[in-house]
Amino acid sequence: MALQFEQVTYTYRSGNQERRTGLDALDLVLEEGRFIAVLGASGSGKSTLLQHFNGLLLPSAGKIRILDFLLEPGLSGKGMKELRRRVGLVFQFPEQQLFAETVEQDLMYGPLNFGMKEPEAREAARSAARALGLDDELLGRNPFHLSGGQMRKTAIATVLAADPDVLVLDEPAATLDQASREELLSLLADLCQSRGKTVILVTHRLEEVLPFAEDYVLLDQGKAIFHGPPEELLADSGLMEQAGIVTPPAVRFLRDFSERFQVPFPEGPYPADHLARFIEQTVREKA
């Protein structure tokens, strides 16, 4: 079952009746069970799109089909609880949403709120913690005494504990150091591959998702101007420049390398060892 946006427009209204378009007649179909990166410059509509996945925002026009749910303009906010269990939304700086005295209490809050009994919620909390690489010994600690990376993973685990089908994250690696970013994104990729979760990650940093994401959406002024595999996106430098996405140095090198040796741009994703093998094999074949 796909996640489908049909001519979706969302308009922000301020108190003085001024209007600003967040999404503009957006058409988009995403397959379940994939790691999807949504990219765009500031103001492109990334965060607005993200908040439509679980009904936090409803379209001003158009239709959205998410799992078994249909979202339309004017829909009542009632009955959204099951959608929000199945589509977990993680905001930027999610550790700001932590509030309990222990990590375990924070992780159990969602499952209990969605109707789990306490023993079941406790097991769900432990399972989510392990999936995010958090040791059991951290469960009894105060979340605000953890490292920045541990707090970020704890916050994401609070959403994962409810066992959503779709996990939507807004800049989850923001402010983390490079090692912590790579570790977190690797864990999210594993959730997609080993558990069949759909992971939708909003970011403006192309280089951080290239080793992991297999499907890319590029937003510009509320429209999807690209949707496809990474090799097609990376081969079109003009498209990325139009959307305000900085081309990583490694991608510029690969583009020049492919042109020089007259070989197709390699298929993604793009972990460093994959690219090294591509370059080594190409040089050997052209020698």
Protein backbone atom coordinates (compact mmCIF):
# COMPACT_ATOMS: atom_id res chain seq x y z
CA MET A 1 0.00 0.00 0.00
CA ALA A 2 1.40 3.41 -0.99
CA LEU A 3 1.41 6.75 0.80
CA GLN A 4 -0.29 9.04 -1.68
CA PHE A 5 -0.71 12.82 -1.94
CA GLU A 6 -3.17 13.92 -4.63
CA GLN A 7 -3.06 17.62 -5.59
CA VAL A 8 -2.47 18.57 -1.96
CA THR A 9 -2.32 22.25 -1.13
CA TYR A 10 -1.82 23.67 2.35
CA THR A 11 -2.17 27.37 3.08
CA TYR A 12 -1.05 29.03 6.30
CA ARG A 13 -3.29 31.86 7.50
CA SER A 14 -2.11 34.52 9.90
CA GLY A 15 -4.23 36.70 12.16
CA ASN A 16 -4.40 39.53 9.61
CA GLN A 17 -5.64 37.09 6.95
CA GLU A 18 -2.36 37.05 5.01
CA ARG A 19 -1.79 33.68 3.37
CA ARG A 20 1.34 31.68 2.71
CA THR A 21 1.39 28.46 0.72
CA GLY A 22 3.22 25.58 2.40
CA LEU A 23 2.30 22.91 -0.17
CA ASP A 24 1.17 23.73 -3.70
CA ALA A 25 -0.90 21.12 -5.61
CA LEU A 26 1.56 18.43 -4.49
CA ASP A 27 1.37 15.03 -6.19
CA LEU A 28 3.50 12.33 -4.57
CA VAL A 29 3.33 8.54 -4.22
CA LEU A 30 5.71 6.81 -1.79
CA GLU A 31 6.15 3.07 -1.44
CA GLU A 32 6.02 1.48 2.00
CA GLY A 33 9.03 -0.28 3.49
CA ARG A 34 11.63 2.08 2.05
CA PHE A 35 14.10 4.61 3.45
CA ILE A 36 12.97 7.90 1.89
CA ALA A 37 14.84 11.21 2.11
CA VAL A 38 12.91 14.47 1.65
CA LEU A 39 15.20 17.36 0.77
CA GLY A 40 14.80 21.06 0.11
CA ALA A 41 15.94 24.47 1.19
CA SER A 42 14.44 26.36 4.12
CA GLY A 43 10.82 27.25 3.29
CA SER A 44 10.49 24.59 0.59
CA GLY A 45 7.64 22.81 2.41
CA LYS A 46 9.55 19.95 4.07
CA SER A 47 8.18 20.39 7.59
CA THR A 48 4.69 21.15 6.27
CA LEU A 49 4.73 17.90 4.31
CA LEU A 50 5.96 15.99 7.35
CA GLN A 51 3.06 17.16 9.53
CA HIS A 52 0.50 15.87 7.02
CA PHE A 53 1.63 12.25 7.37
CA ASN A 54 -0.14 11.75 10.69
CA GLY A 55 -2.89 14.33 10.41
CA LEU A 56 -1.27 17.00 12.54
CA LEU A 57 -2.02 19.26 9.58
CA LEU A 58 -4.91 18.60 7.17
CA PRO A 59 -4.83 19.72 3.54
CA SER A 60 -6.52 22.92 2.45
CA ALA A 61 -7.25 21.13 -0.83
CA GLY A 62 -6.63 17.67 -2.25
CA LYS A 63 -6.54 14.21 -0.67
CA ILE A 64 -4.00 12.17 1.26
CA ARG A 65 -4.12 8.38 1.56
CA ILE A 66 -1.95 7.11 4.42
CA LEU A 67 -2.17 3.37 5.11
CA ASP A 68 -5.92 2.75 5.68
CA PHE A 69 -6.73 6.43 6.25
CA LEU A 70 -8.05 9.15 3.97
CA LEU A 71 -7.30 12.75 4.96
CA GLU A 72 -9.29 15.57 3.37
CA PRO A 73 -10.00 19.26 4.02
CA GLY A 74 -12.38 19.89 6.90
CA LEU A 75 -11.92 16.44 8.40
CA SER A 76 -12.54 16.31 12.14
CA GLY A 77 -9.51 15.73 14.33
CA LYS A 78 -11.37 12.98 16.12
CA GLY A 79 -10.37 9.41 15.35
CA MET A 80 -6.74 10.30 14.63
CA LYS A 81 -5.34 8.29 17.54
CA GLU A 82 -4.85 5.08 15.56
CA LEU A 83 -3.27 6.96 12.65
CA ARG A 84 -0.83 8.60 15.05
CA ARG A 85 0.07 5.24 16.55
CA ARG A 86 0.81 3.81 13.12
CA VAL A 87 2.62 6.91 11.84
CA GLY A 88 5.20 8.05 14.37
CA LEU A 89 6.28 11.69 14.03
CA VAL A 90 9.63 12.84 15.41
CA PHE A 91 10.19 16.60 15.47
CA GLN A 92 13.53 18.34 15.18
CA PHE A 93 15.28 18.40 18.58
CA PRO A 94 12.94 15.66 19.89
CA GLU A 95 14.81 15.49 23.19
CA GLN A 96 12.94 18.67 24.11
CA GLN A 97 9.85 16.44 24.36
CA LEU A 98 11.37 14.26 27.10
CA PHE A 99 9.79 14.89 30.48
CA ALA A 100 9.86 11.81 32.76
CA GLU A 101 12.23 11.00 35.61
CA THR A 102 13.64 7.92 33.89
CA VAL A 103 14.27 6.78 30.33
CA GLU A 104 11.95 3.80 30.85
CA GLN A 105 9.06 6.03 31.95
CA ASP A 106 9.49 8.19 28.86
CA LEU A 107 9.57 5.13 26.59
CA MET A 108 6.48 3.60 28.22
CA TYR A 109 4.37 6.76 27.96
CA GLY A 110 3.36 6.27 24.30
CA PRO A 111 2.47 2.57 24.54
CA LEU A 112 0.42 3.18 27.70
CA ASN A 113 -1.35 6.11 26.05
CA PHE A 114 -2.24 3.90 23.09
CA GLY A 115 -3.81 1.28 25.36
CA MET A 116 -1.07 -1.23 26.18
CA LYS A 117 -1.03 -2.86 29.61
CA GLU A 118 1.95 -2.03 31.79
CA PRO A 119 3.91 -5.30 31.27
CA GLU A 120 3.40 -5.04 27.50
CA ALA A 121 4.41 -1.36 27.51
CA ARG A 122 7.55 -2.15 29.52
CA GLU A 123 8.59 -4.82 26.99
CA ALA A 124 7.84 -2.43 24.11
CA ALA A 125 10.03 0.19 25.79
CA ARG A 126 12.94 -2.24 26.14
CA SER A 127 12.56 -3.44 22.55
CA ALA A 128 12.61 0.15 21.23
CA ALA A 129 15.64 1.01 23.35
CA ARG A 130 17.60 -1.96 22.00
CA ALA A 131 16.59 -1.12 18.42
CA LEU A 132 18.14 2.32 18.88
CA GLY A 133 21.30 0.93 20.46
CA LEU A 134 20.47 1.92 24.05
CA ASP A 135 21.64 -0.48 26.77
CA ASP A 136 19.15 -1.75 29.34
CA GLU A 137 21.18 -0.13 32.11
CA LEU A 138 20.20 3.30 30.75
CA LEU A 139 16.49 2.66 31.33
CA GLY A 140 16.66 3.60 35.00
CA ARG A 141 18.65 6.79 34.40
CA ASN A 142 17.34 10.33 34.14
CA PRO A 143 17.14 11.12 30.39
CA PHE A 144 18.58 14.58 30.99
CA HIS A 145 21.78 13.05 32.34
CA LEU A 146 22.52 11.24 29.08
CA SER A 147 24.83 12.41 26.31
CA GLY A 148 23.37 14.42 23.46
CA GLY A 149 23.39 11.41 21.14
CA GLN A 150 21.79 9.17 23.75
CA MET A 151 19.07 11.75 24.43
CA ARG A 152 18.30 11.98 20.70
CA LYS A 153 18.06 8.19 20.38
CA THR A 154 15.89 8.02 23.53
CA ALA A 155 13.50 10.58 22.07
CA ILE A 156 13.20 8.63 18.81
CA ALA A 157 12.72 5.40 20.80
CA THR A 158 9.72 6.99 22.57
CA VAL A 159 7.98 7.08 19.18
CA LEU A 160 9.27 3.67 18.08
CA ALA A 161 7.96 2.04 21.28
CA ALA A 162 4.40 2.31 19.95
CA ASP A 163 5.53 0.14 17.00
CA PRO A 164 4.48 2.48 14.16
CA ASP A 165 4.43 1.26 10.56
CA VAL A 166 5.81 4.58 9.35
CA LEU A 167 8.48 6.65 11.10
CA VAL A 168 8.71 10.29 9.96
CA LEU A 169 11.61 12.37 11.26
CA ASP A 170 12.42 16.07 10.89
CA GLU A 171 16.20 16.66 10.75
CA PRO A 172 16.93 13.94 13.36
CA ALA A 173 20.71 14.32 13.07
CA ALA A 174 20.75 18.10 13.53
CA THR A 175 23.43 19.33 15.99
CA LEU A 176 24.95 15.84 16.38
CA ASP A 177 28.62 15.26 15.60
CA GLN A 178 29.52 13.26 12.50
CA ALA A 179 30.01 9.94 14.29
CA SER A 180 26.68 10.27 16.11
CA ARG A 181 24.90 11.26 12.86
CA GLU A 182 26.24 8.22 11.03
CA GLU A 183 25.34 5.90 13.91
CA LEU A 184 21.79 7.25 14.15
CA LEU A 185 21.14 7.06 10.40
CA SER A 186 22.56 3.54 10.28
CA LEU A 187 20.14 2.50 13.04
CA LEU A 188 17.23 4.03 11.11
CA ALA A 189 18.29 2.19 7.95
CA ASP A 190 18.36 -1.05 9.93
CA LEU A 191 14.79 -0.44 11.15
CA CYS A 192 13.76 -0.20 7.51
CA GLN A 193 15.67 -3.30 6.38
CA SER A 194 15.20 -5.64 9.33
CA ARG A 195 11.75 -4.58 10.60
CA GLY A 196 10.13 -3.42 7.37
CA LYS A 197 9.48 0.08 8.69
CA THR A 198 8.90 2.93 6.28
CA VAL A 199 11.39 5.64 7.26
CA ILE A 200 10.80 9.16 5.92
CA LEU A 201 13.58 11.53 6.87
CA VAL A 202 13.44 15.27 6.24
CA THR A 203 16.81 16.97 5.84
CA HIS A 204 18.63 19.70 3.95
CA ARG A 205 21.96 17.83 4.11
CA LEU A 206 22.22 15.52 1.11
CA GLU A 207 25.58 14.12 2.12
CA GLU A 208 24.32 12.65 5.41
CA VAL A 209 21.62 10.49 3.78
CA LEU A 210 23.46 9.33 0.65
CA PRO A 211 24.90 6.18 2.29
CA PHE A 212 21.46 5.10 3.53
CA ALA A 213 18.38 6.39 1.66
CA GLU A 214 17.13 4.60 -1.46
CA ASP A 215 14.36 6.98 -2.53
CA TYR A 216 14.61 10.78 -2.78
CA VAL A 217 12.03 13.59 -2.90
CA LEU A 218 13.16 17.11 -3.73
CA LEU A 219 10.83 19.97 -2.73
CA ASP A 220 10.86 23.52 -4.04
CA GLN A 221 8.21 26.13 -3.20
CA GLY A 222 5.78 23.47 -2.00
CA LYS A 223 6.06 21.25 -5.07
CA ALA A 224 7.85 17.94 -5.61
CA ILE A 225 10.23 18.75 -8.46
CA PHE A 226 11.94 15.34 -8.25
CA HIS A 227 11.12 11.88 -6.94
CA GLY A 228 13.31 8.91 -7.72
CA PRO A 229 16.56 7.04 -7.02
CA PRO A 230 19.71 8.89 -5.94
CA GLU A 231 21.68 8.33 -9.15
CA GLU A 232 19.05 10.23 -11.16
CA LEU A 233 19.04 13.10 -8.68
CA LEU A 234 22.81 13.36 -8.49
CA ALA A 235 23.19 13.32 -12.25
CA ASP A 236 21.13 16.54 -12.52
CA SER A 237 23.17 19.32 -10.92
CA GLY A 238 20.82 22.00 -12.22
CA LEU A 239 17.85 20.49 -10.41
CA MET A 240 19.66 20.48 -7.08
CA GLU A 241 20.85 24.06 -7.59
CA GLN A 242 17.26 25.11 -8.36
CA ALA A 243 16.14 23.68 -5.03
CA GLY A 244 19.04 25.20 -3.10
CA ILE A 245 20.73 21.88 -2.31
CA VAL A 246 24.51 22.03 -2.03
CA THR A 247 26.23 19.29 -4.05
CA PRO A 248 28.65 17.41 -1.76
CA PRO A 249 32.31 17.43 -2.92
CA ALA A 250 32.30 13.63 -3.24
CA VAL A 251 29.34 13.83 -5.65
CA ARG A 252 31.06 16.49 -7.77
CA PHE A 253 34.13 14.25 -7.94
CA LEU A 254 32.01 11.24 -8.96
CA ARG A 255 30.23 13.26 -11.64
CA ASP A 256 33.54 14.44 -13.09
CA PHE A 257 34.98 10.93 -12.79
CA SER A 258 32.03 9.39 -14.66
CA GLU A 259 32.28 11.97 -17.43
CA ARG A 260 36.03 11.54 -17.79
CA PHE A 261 35.84 7.74 -18.05
CA GLN A 262 32.53 7.85 -19.97
CA VAL A 263 30.75 5.47 -17.61
CA PRO A 264 27.22 5.73 -16.15
CA PHE A 265 26.84 7.36 -12.77
CA PRO A 266 26.88 4.49 -10.20
CA GLU A 267 23.64 3.35 -8.61
CA GLY A 268 23.02 4.20 -4.96
CA PRO A 269 22.98 4.14 -2.05
CA TYR A 270 26.45 5.55 -1.61
CA PRO A 271 28.47 4.24 1.34
CA ALA A 272 32.17 5.07 1.05
CA ASP A 273 33.28 1.48 0.43
CA HIS A 274 30.76 1.13 -2.43
CA LEU A 275 32.14 4.24 -4.14
CA ALA A 276 35.73 3.13 -3.62
CA ARG A 277 34.98 -0.21 -5.33
CA PHE A 278 33.27 1.60 -8.21
CA ILE A 279 36.28 3.86 -8.78
CA GLU A 280 38.80 1.02 -8.46
CA GLN A 281 36.88 -1.23 -10.85
CA THR A 282 36.42 1.55 -13.41
CA VAL A 283 40.10 2.48 -13.40
CA ARG A 284 41.08 -1.18 -13.75
CA GLU A 285 38.68 -1.73 -16.68
CA LYS A 286 39.80 1.45 -18.47
CA ALA A 287 43.54 0.88 -17.92
